[in-house]
Amino acid sequence: MMFLEVGDLSGLFIIIGFIMFGPPIALAIVGGAIRKKNKTASKVLYILAALYLIVGLGICGSMLTA
């Protein structure tokens, strides 16, 4: 059996890091932007950002360690 050799994987780590941290940061920024207009929607966006971060760190973190 012939195994394929993989070259530099730093780009893959950057993409996985962006998937982990990009959407929670964007949701938090949008939540902060609409905080004065609608506090309830802002709280929902903060909760979604925290939830996405926890799930993203769990799934992507487990992929990085394996």
PDB file of N, CA and C in Angstrom:
ATOM      1  N   MET A   1       0.841  -1.163   0.000  1.00  0.00           N
ATOM      2  CA  MET A   1       0.000   0.000   0.000  1.00  0.00           C
ATOM      3  C   MET A   1       0.890   1.230   0.000  1.00  0.00           C
ATOM      4  N   MET A   2       0.529   2.184  -0.819  1.00  0.00           N
ATOM      5  CA  MET A   2       1.321   3.402  -0.950  1.00  0.00           C
ATOM      6  C   MET A   2       0.580   4.560  -0.284  1.00  0.00           C
ATOM      7  N   PHE A   3       1.212   5.176   0.698  1.00  0.00           N
ATOM      8  CA  PHE A   3       0.596   6.298   1.400  1.00  0.00           C
ATOM      9  C   PHE A   3       0.923   7.595   0.682  1.00  0.00           C
ATOM     10  N   LEU A   4      -0.038   8.495   0.689  1.00  0.00           N
ATOM     11  CA  LEU A   4       0.203   9.805   0.100  1.00  0.00           C
ATOM     12  C   LEU A   4       0.856  10.707   1.129  1.00  0.00           C
ATOM     13  N   GLU A   5       1.889  11.401   0.707  1.00  0.00           N
ATOM     14  CA  GLU A   5       2.541  12.324   1.614  1.00  0.00           C
ATOM     15  C   GLU A   5       1.899  13.691   1.477  1.00  0.00           C
ATOM     16  N   VAL A   6       1.704  14.309   2.614  1.00  0.00           N
ATOM     17  CA  VAL A   6       1.069  15.620   2.643  1.00  0.00           C
ATOM     18  C   VAL A   6       2.139  16.656   2.921  1.00  0.00           C
ATOM     19  N   GLY A   7       2.055  17.770   2.198  1.00  0.00           N
ATOM     20  CA  GLY A   7       3.036  18.836   2.379  1.00  0.00           C
ATOM     21  C   GLY A   7       2.697  19.723   3.564  1.00  0.00           C
ATOM     22  N   ASP A   8       2.717  21.011   3.351  1.00  0.00           N
ATOM     23  CA  ASP A   8       2.486  21.993   4.406  1.00  0.00           C
ATOM     24  C   ASP A   8       0.986  22.114   4.683  1.00  0.00           C
ATOM     25  N   LEU A   9       0.585  21.935   5.937  1.00  0.00           N
ATOM     26  CA  LEU A   9      -0.828  21.995   6.313  1.00  0.00           C
ATOM     27  C   LEU A   9      -1.169  23.249   7.115  1.00  0.00           C
ATOM     28  N   SER A  10      -0.333  24.270   7.057  1.00  0.00           N
ATOM     29  CA  SER A  10      -0.609  25.465   7.850  1.00  0.00           C
ATOM     30  C   SER A  10      -1.865  26.185   7.367  1.00  0.00           C
ATOM     31  N   GLY A  11      -2.151  26.129   6.084  1.00  0.00           N
ATOM     32  CA  GLY A  11      -3.370  26.745   5.569  1.00  0.00           C
ATOM     33  C   GLY A  11      -4.625  26.073   6.103  1.00  0.00           C
ATOM     34  N   LEU A  12      -4.561  24.775   6.279  1.00  0.00           N
ATOM     35  CA  LEU A  12      -5.697  24.036   6.826  1.00  0.00           C
ATOM     36  C   LEU A  12      -5.969  24.435   8.272  1.00  0.00           C
ATOM     37  N   PHE A  13      -4.922  24.650   9.055  1.00  0.00           N
ATOM     38  CA  PHE A  13      -5.092  25.085  10.439  1.00  0.00           C
ATOM     39  C   PHE A  13      -5.677  26.494  10.500  1.00  0.00           C
ATOM     40  N   ILE A  14      -5.303  27.339   9.564  1.00  0.00           N
ATOM     41  CA  ILE A  14      -5.856  28.697   9.527  1.00  0.00           C
ATOM     42  C   ILE A  14      -7.344  28.654   9.196  1.00  0.00           C
ATOM     43  N   ILE A  15      -7.733  27.814   8.253  1.00  0.00           N
ATOM     44  CA  ILE A  15      -9.145  27.692   7.886  1.00  0.00           C
ATOM     45  C   ILE A  15      -9.953  27.136   9.055  1.00  0.00           C
ATOM     46  N   ILE A  16      -9.443  26.120   9.723  1.00  0.00           N
ATOM     47  CA  ILE A  16     -10.155  25.554  10.874  1.00  0.00           C
ATOM     48  C   ILE A  16     -10.250  26.590  11.992  1.00  0.00           C
ATOM     49  N   GLY A  17      -9.207  27.357  12.197  1.00  0.00           N
ATOM     50  CA  GLY A  17      -9.259  28.425  13.203  1.00  0.00           C
ATOM     51  C   GLY A  17     -10.275  29.497  12.855  1.00  0.00           C
ATOM     52  N   PHE A  18     -10.382  29.818  11.573  1.00  0.00           N
ATOM     53  CA  PHE A  18     -11.385  30.800  11.152  1.00  0.00           C
ATOM     54  C   PHE A  18     -12.794  30.252  11.341  1.00  0.00           C
ATOM     55  N   ILE A  19     -12.986  28.968  11.104  1.00  0.00           N
ATOM     56  CA  ILE A  19     -14.301  28.357  11.317  1.00  0.00           C
ATOM     57  C   ILE A  19     -14.640  28.355  12.808  1.00  0.00           C
ATOM     58  N   MET A  20     -13.638  28.176  13.676  1.00  0.00           N
ATOM     59  CA  MET A  20     -13.882  28.161  15.116  1.00  0.00           C
ATOM     60  C   MET A  20     -14.202  29.552  15.657  1.00  0.00           C
ATOM     61  N   PHE A  21     -13.445  30.564  15.236  1.00  0.00           N
ATOM     62  CA  PHE A  21     -13.541  31.876  15.870  1.00  0.00           C
ATOM     63  C   PHE A  21     -14.227  32.947  15.021  1.00  0.00           C
ATOM     64  N   GLY A  22     -14.389  32.744  13.732  1.00  0.00           N
ATOM     65  CA  GLY A  22     -14.968  33.764  12.860  1.00  0.00           C
ATOM     66  C   GLY A  22     -16.428  34.083  13.152  1.00  0.00           C
ATOM     67  N   PRO A  23     -17.322  33.103  13.069  1.00  0.00           N
ATOM     68  CA  PRO A  23     -18.742  33.397  13.318  1.00  0.00           C
ATOM     69  C   PRO A  23     -19.059  33.892  14.727  1.00  0.00           C
ATOM     70  N   PRO A  24     -18.437  33.364  15.788  1.00  0.00           N
ATOM     71  CA  PRO A  24     -18.740  33.944  17.105  1.00  0.00           C
ATOM     72  C   PRO A  24     -18.323  35.408  17.235  1.00  0.00           C
ATOM     73  N   ILE A  25     -17.194  35.753  16.637  1.00  0.00           N
ATOM     74  CA  ILE A  25     -16.761  37.150  16.685  1.00  0.00           C
ATOM     75  C   ILE A  25     -17.722  38.023  15.899  1.00  0.00           C
ATOM     76  N   ALA A  26     -18.159  37.554  14.732  1.00  0.00           N
ATOM     77  CA  ALA A  26     -19.109  38.322  13.917  1.00  0.00           C
ATOM     78  C   ALA A  26     -20.445  38.488  14.644  1.00  0.00           C
ATOM     79  N   LEU A  27     -20.940  37.425  15.283  1.00  0.00           N
ATOM     80  CA  LEU A  27     -22.197  37.520  16.023  1.00  0.00           C
ATOM     81  C   LEU A  27     -22.073  38.482  17.203  1.00  0.00           C
ATOM     82  N   ALA A  28     -20.946  38.465  17.879  1.00  0.00           N
ATOM     83  CA  ALA A  28     -20.746  39.376  19.005  1.00  0.00           C
ATOM     84  C   ALA A  28     -20.672  40.826  18.540  1.00  0.00           C
ATOM     85  N   ILE A  29     -20.044  41.077  17.394  1.00  0.00           N
ATOM     86  CA  ILE A  29     -19.967  42.434  16.862  1.00  0.00           C
ATOM     87  C   ILE A  29     -21.348  42.936  16.465  1.00  0.00           C
ATOM     88  N   VAL A  30     -22.121  42.093  15.798  1.00  0.00           N
ATOM     89  CA  VAL A  30     -23.482  42.482  15.418  1.00  0.00           C
ATOM     90  C   VAL A  30     -24.339  42.698  16.663  1.00  0.00           C
ATOM     91  N   GLY A  31     -24.184  41.847  17.667  1.00  0.00           N
ATOM     92  CA  GLY A  31     -24.908  42.020  18.917  1.00  0.00           C
ATOM     93  C   GLY A  31     -24.557  43.330  19.605  1.00  0.00           C
ATOM     94  N   GLY A  32     -23.307  43.704  19.566  1.00  0.00           N
ATOM     95  CA  GLY A  32     -22.905  44.983  20.149  1.00  0.00           C
ATOM     96  C   GLY A  32     -23.416  46.172  19.357  1.00  0.00           C
ATOM     97  N   ALA A  33     -23.528  46.001  18.044  1.00  0.00           N
ATOM     98  CA  ALA A  33     -23.998  47.099  17.199  1.00  0.00           C
ATOM     99  C   ALA A  33     -25.487  47.372  17.402  1.00  0.00           C
ATOM    100  N   ILE A  34     -26.276  46.343  17.667  1.00  0.00           N
ATOM    101  CA  ILE A  34     -27.716  46.556  17.823  1.00  0.00           C
ATOM    102  C   ILE A  34     -28.143  46.612  19.293  1.00  0.00           C
ATOM    103  N   ARG A  35     -27.201  46.718  20.186  1.00  0.00           N
ATOM    104  CA  ARG A  35     -27.525  46.690  21.617  1.00  0.00           C
ATOM    105  C   ARG A  35     -28.447  47.833  22.034  1.00  0.00           C
ATOM    106  N   LYS A  36     -28.240  49.029  21.498  1.00  0.00           N
ATOM    107  CA  LYS A  36     -29.068  50.171  21.900  1.00  0.00           C
ATOM    108  C   LYS A  36     -30.476  50.092  21.322  1.00  0.00           C
ATOM    109  N   LYS A  37     -30.615  49.520  20.151  1.00  0.00           N
ATOM    110  CA  LYS A  37     -31.930  49.448  19.515  1.00  0.00           C
ATOM    111  C   LYS A  37     -32.787  48.335  20.095  1.00  0.00           C
ATOM    112  N   ASN A  38     -32.198  47.141  20.249  1.00  0.00           N
ATOM    113  CA  ASN A  38     -32.990  45.987  20.651  1.00  0.00           C
ATOM    114  C   ASN A  38     -32.159  45.117  21.597  1.00  0.00           C
ATOM    115  N   LYS A  39     -32.407  45.259  22.876  1.00  0.00           N
ATOM    116  CA  LYS A  39     -31.604  44.529  23.859  1.00  0.00           C
ATOM    117  C   LYS A  39     -31.871  43.030  23.833  1.00  0.00           C
ATOM    118  N   THR A  40     -33.102  42.636  23.540  1.00  0.00           N
ATOM    119  CA  THR A  40     -33.425  41.209  23.522  1.00  0.00           C
ATOM    120  C   THR A  40     -32.702  40.496  22.384  1.00  0.00           C
ATOM    121  N   ALA A  41     -32.719  41.086  21.201  1.00  0.00           N
ATOM    122  CA  ALA A  41     -32.018  40.486  20.067  1.00  0.00           C
ATOM    123  C   ALA A  41     -30.512  40.458  20.310  1.00  0.00           C
ATOM    124  N   SER A  42     -30.012  41.478  20.983  1.00  0.00           N
ATOM    125  CA  SER A  42     -28.587  41.511  21.301  1.00  0.00           C
ATOM    126  C   SER A  42     -28.198  40.366  22.232  1.00  0.00           C
ATOM    127  N   LYS A  43     -29.030  40.118  23.241  1.00  0.00           N
ATOM    128  CA  LYS A  43     -28.752  39.007  24.162  1.00  0.00           C
ATOM    129  C   LYS A  43     -28.810  37.667  23.452  1.00  0.00           C
ATOM    130  N   VAL A  44     -29.765  37.531  22.532  1.00  0.00           N
ATOM    131  CA  VAL A  44     -29.865  36.282  21.765  1.00  0.00           C
ATOM    132  C   VAL A  44     -28.621  36.073  20.917  1.00  0.00           C
ATOM    133  N   LEU A  45     -28.128  37.126  20.294  1.00  0.00           N
ATOM    134  CA  LEU A  45     -26.913  36.998  19.476  1.00  0.00           C
ATOM    135  C   LEU A  45     -25.696  36.673  20.337  1.00  0.00           C
ATOM    136  N   TYR A  46     -25.611  37.251  21.532  1.00  0.00           N
ATOM    137  CA  TYR A  46     -24.507  36.916  22.434  1.00  0.00           C
ATOM    138  C   TYR A  46     -24.569  35.449  22.847  1.00  0.00           C
ATOM    139  N   ILE A  47     -25.764  34.962  23.141  1.00  0.00           N
ATOM    140  CA  ILE A  47     -25.918  33.558  23.528  1.00  0.00           C
ATOM    141  C   ILE A  47     -25.563  32.639  22.365  1.00  0.00           C
ATOM    142  N   LEU A  48     -25.997  32.993  21.159  1.00  0.00           N
ATOM    143  CA  LEU A  48     -25.646  32.191  19.978  1.00  0.00           C
ATOM    144  C   LEU A  48     -24.142  32.193  19.730  1.00  0.00           C
ATOM    145  N   ALA A  49     -23.498  33.339  19.939  1.00  0.00           N
ATOM    146  CA  ALA A  49     -22.044  33.415  19.763  1.00  0.00           C
ATOM    147  C   ALA A  49     -21.326  32.508  20.761  1.00  0.00           C
ATOM    148  N   ALA A  50     -21.771  32.529  22.010  1.00  0.00           N
ATOM    149  CA  ALA A  50     -21.139  31.675  23.025  1.00  0.00           C
ATOM    150  C   ALA A  50     -21.376  30.202  22.723  1.00  0.00           C
ATOM    151  N   LEU A  51     -22.591  29.874  22.311  1.00  0.00           N
ATOM    152  CA  LEU A  51     -22.913  28.485  21.979  1.00  0.00           C
ATOM    153  C   LEU A  51     -22.101  28.002  20.781  1.00  0.00           C
ATOM    154  N   TYR A  52     -22.002  28.825  19.749  1.00  0.00           N
ATOM    155  CA  TYR A  52     -21.219  28.465  18.568  1.00  0.00           C
ATOM    156  C   TYR A  52     -19.747  28.289  18.928  1.00  0.00           C
ATOM    157  N   LEU A  53     -19.244  29.146  19.801  1.00  0.00           N
ATOM    158  CA  LEU A  53     -17.849  29.034  20.209  1.00  0.00           C
ATOM    159  C   LEU A  53     -17.591  27.743  20.977  1.00  0.00           C
ATOM    160  N   ILE A  54     -18.497  27.384  21.875  1.00  0.00           N
ATOM    161  CA  ILE A  54     -18.324  26.144  22.644  1.00  0.00           C
ATOM    162  C   ILE A  54     -18.375  24.930  21.730  1.00  0.00           C
ATOM    163  N   VAL A  55     -19.353  24.900  20.834  1.00  0.00           N
ATOM    164  CA  VAL A  55     -19.474  23.761  19.919  1.00  0.00           C
ATOM    165  C   VAL A  55     -18.311  23.738  18.933  1.00  0.00           C
ATOM    166  N   GLY A  56     -17.938  24.893  18.409  1.00  0.00           N
ATOM    167  CA  GLY A  56     -16.825  24.955  17.463  1.00  0.00           C
ATOM    168  C   GLY A  56     -15.512  24.528  18.070  1.00  0.00           C
ATOM    169  N   LEU A  57     -15.257  24.959  19.296  1.00  0.00           N
ATOM    170  CA  LEU A  57     -14.023  24.551  19.958  1.00  0.00           C
ATOM    171  C   LEU A  57     -14.033  23.057  20.249  1.00  0.00           C
ATOM    172  N   GLY A  58     -15.187  22.509  20.536  1.00  0.00           N
ATOM    173  CA  GLY A  58     -15.268  21.076  20.814  1.00  0.00           C
ATOM    174  C   GLY A  58     -15.046  20.237  19.578  1.00  0.00           C
ATOM    175  N   ILE A  59     -15.733  20.581  18.495  1.00  0.00           N
ATOM    176  CA  ILE A  59     -15.639  19.776  17.272  1.00  0.00           C
ATOM    177  C   ILE A  59     -14.306  20.024  16.568  1.00  0.00           C
ATOM    178  N   CYS A  60     -13.959  21.270  16.340  1.00  0.00           N
ATOM    179  CA  CYS A  60     -12.717  21.564  15.621  1.00  0.00           C
ATOM    180  C   CYS A  60     -11.494  21.222  16.478  1.00  0.00           C
ATOM    181  N   GLY A  61     -11.617  21.405  17.785  1.00  0.00           N
ATOM    182  CA  GLY A  61     -10.501  21.042  18.666  1.00  0.00           C
ATOM    183  C   GLY A  61     -10.244  19.552  18.659  1.00  0.00           C
ATOM    184  N   SER A  62     -11.321  18.783  18.604  1.00  0.00           N
ATOM    185  CA  SER A  62     -11.122  17.328  18.547  1.00  0.00           C
ATOM    186  C   SER A  62     -10.552  16.896  17.206  1.00  0.00           C
ATOM    187  N   MET A  63     -10.892  17.615  16.137  1.00  0.00           N
ATOM    188  CA  MET A  63     -10.296  17.287  14.829  1.00  0.00           C
ATOM    189  C   MET A  63      -8.804  17.621  14.797  1.00  0.00           C
ATOM    190  N   LEU A  64      -8.412  18.684  15.484  1.00  0.00           N
ATOM    191  CA  LEU A  64      -7.005  19.075  15.488  1.00  0.00           C
ATOM    192  C   LEU A  64      -6.150  18.142  16.334  1.00  0.00           C
ATOM    193  N   THR A  65      -6.725  17.532  17.358  1.00  0.00           N
ATOM    194  CA  THR A  65      -5.919  16.672  18.218  1.00  0.00           C
ATOM    195  C   THR A  65      -5.785  15.254  17.670  1.00  0.00           C
ATOM    196  N   ALA A  66      -6.693  14.858  16.824  1.00  0.00           N
ATOM    197  CA  ALA A  66      -6.659  13.480  16.299  1.00  0.00           C
ATOM    198  C   ALA A  66      -5.620  13.307  15.237  1.00  0.00           C
TER     199      ALA A  66
END
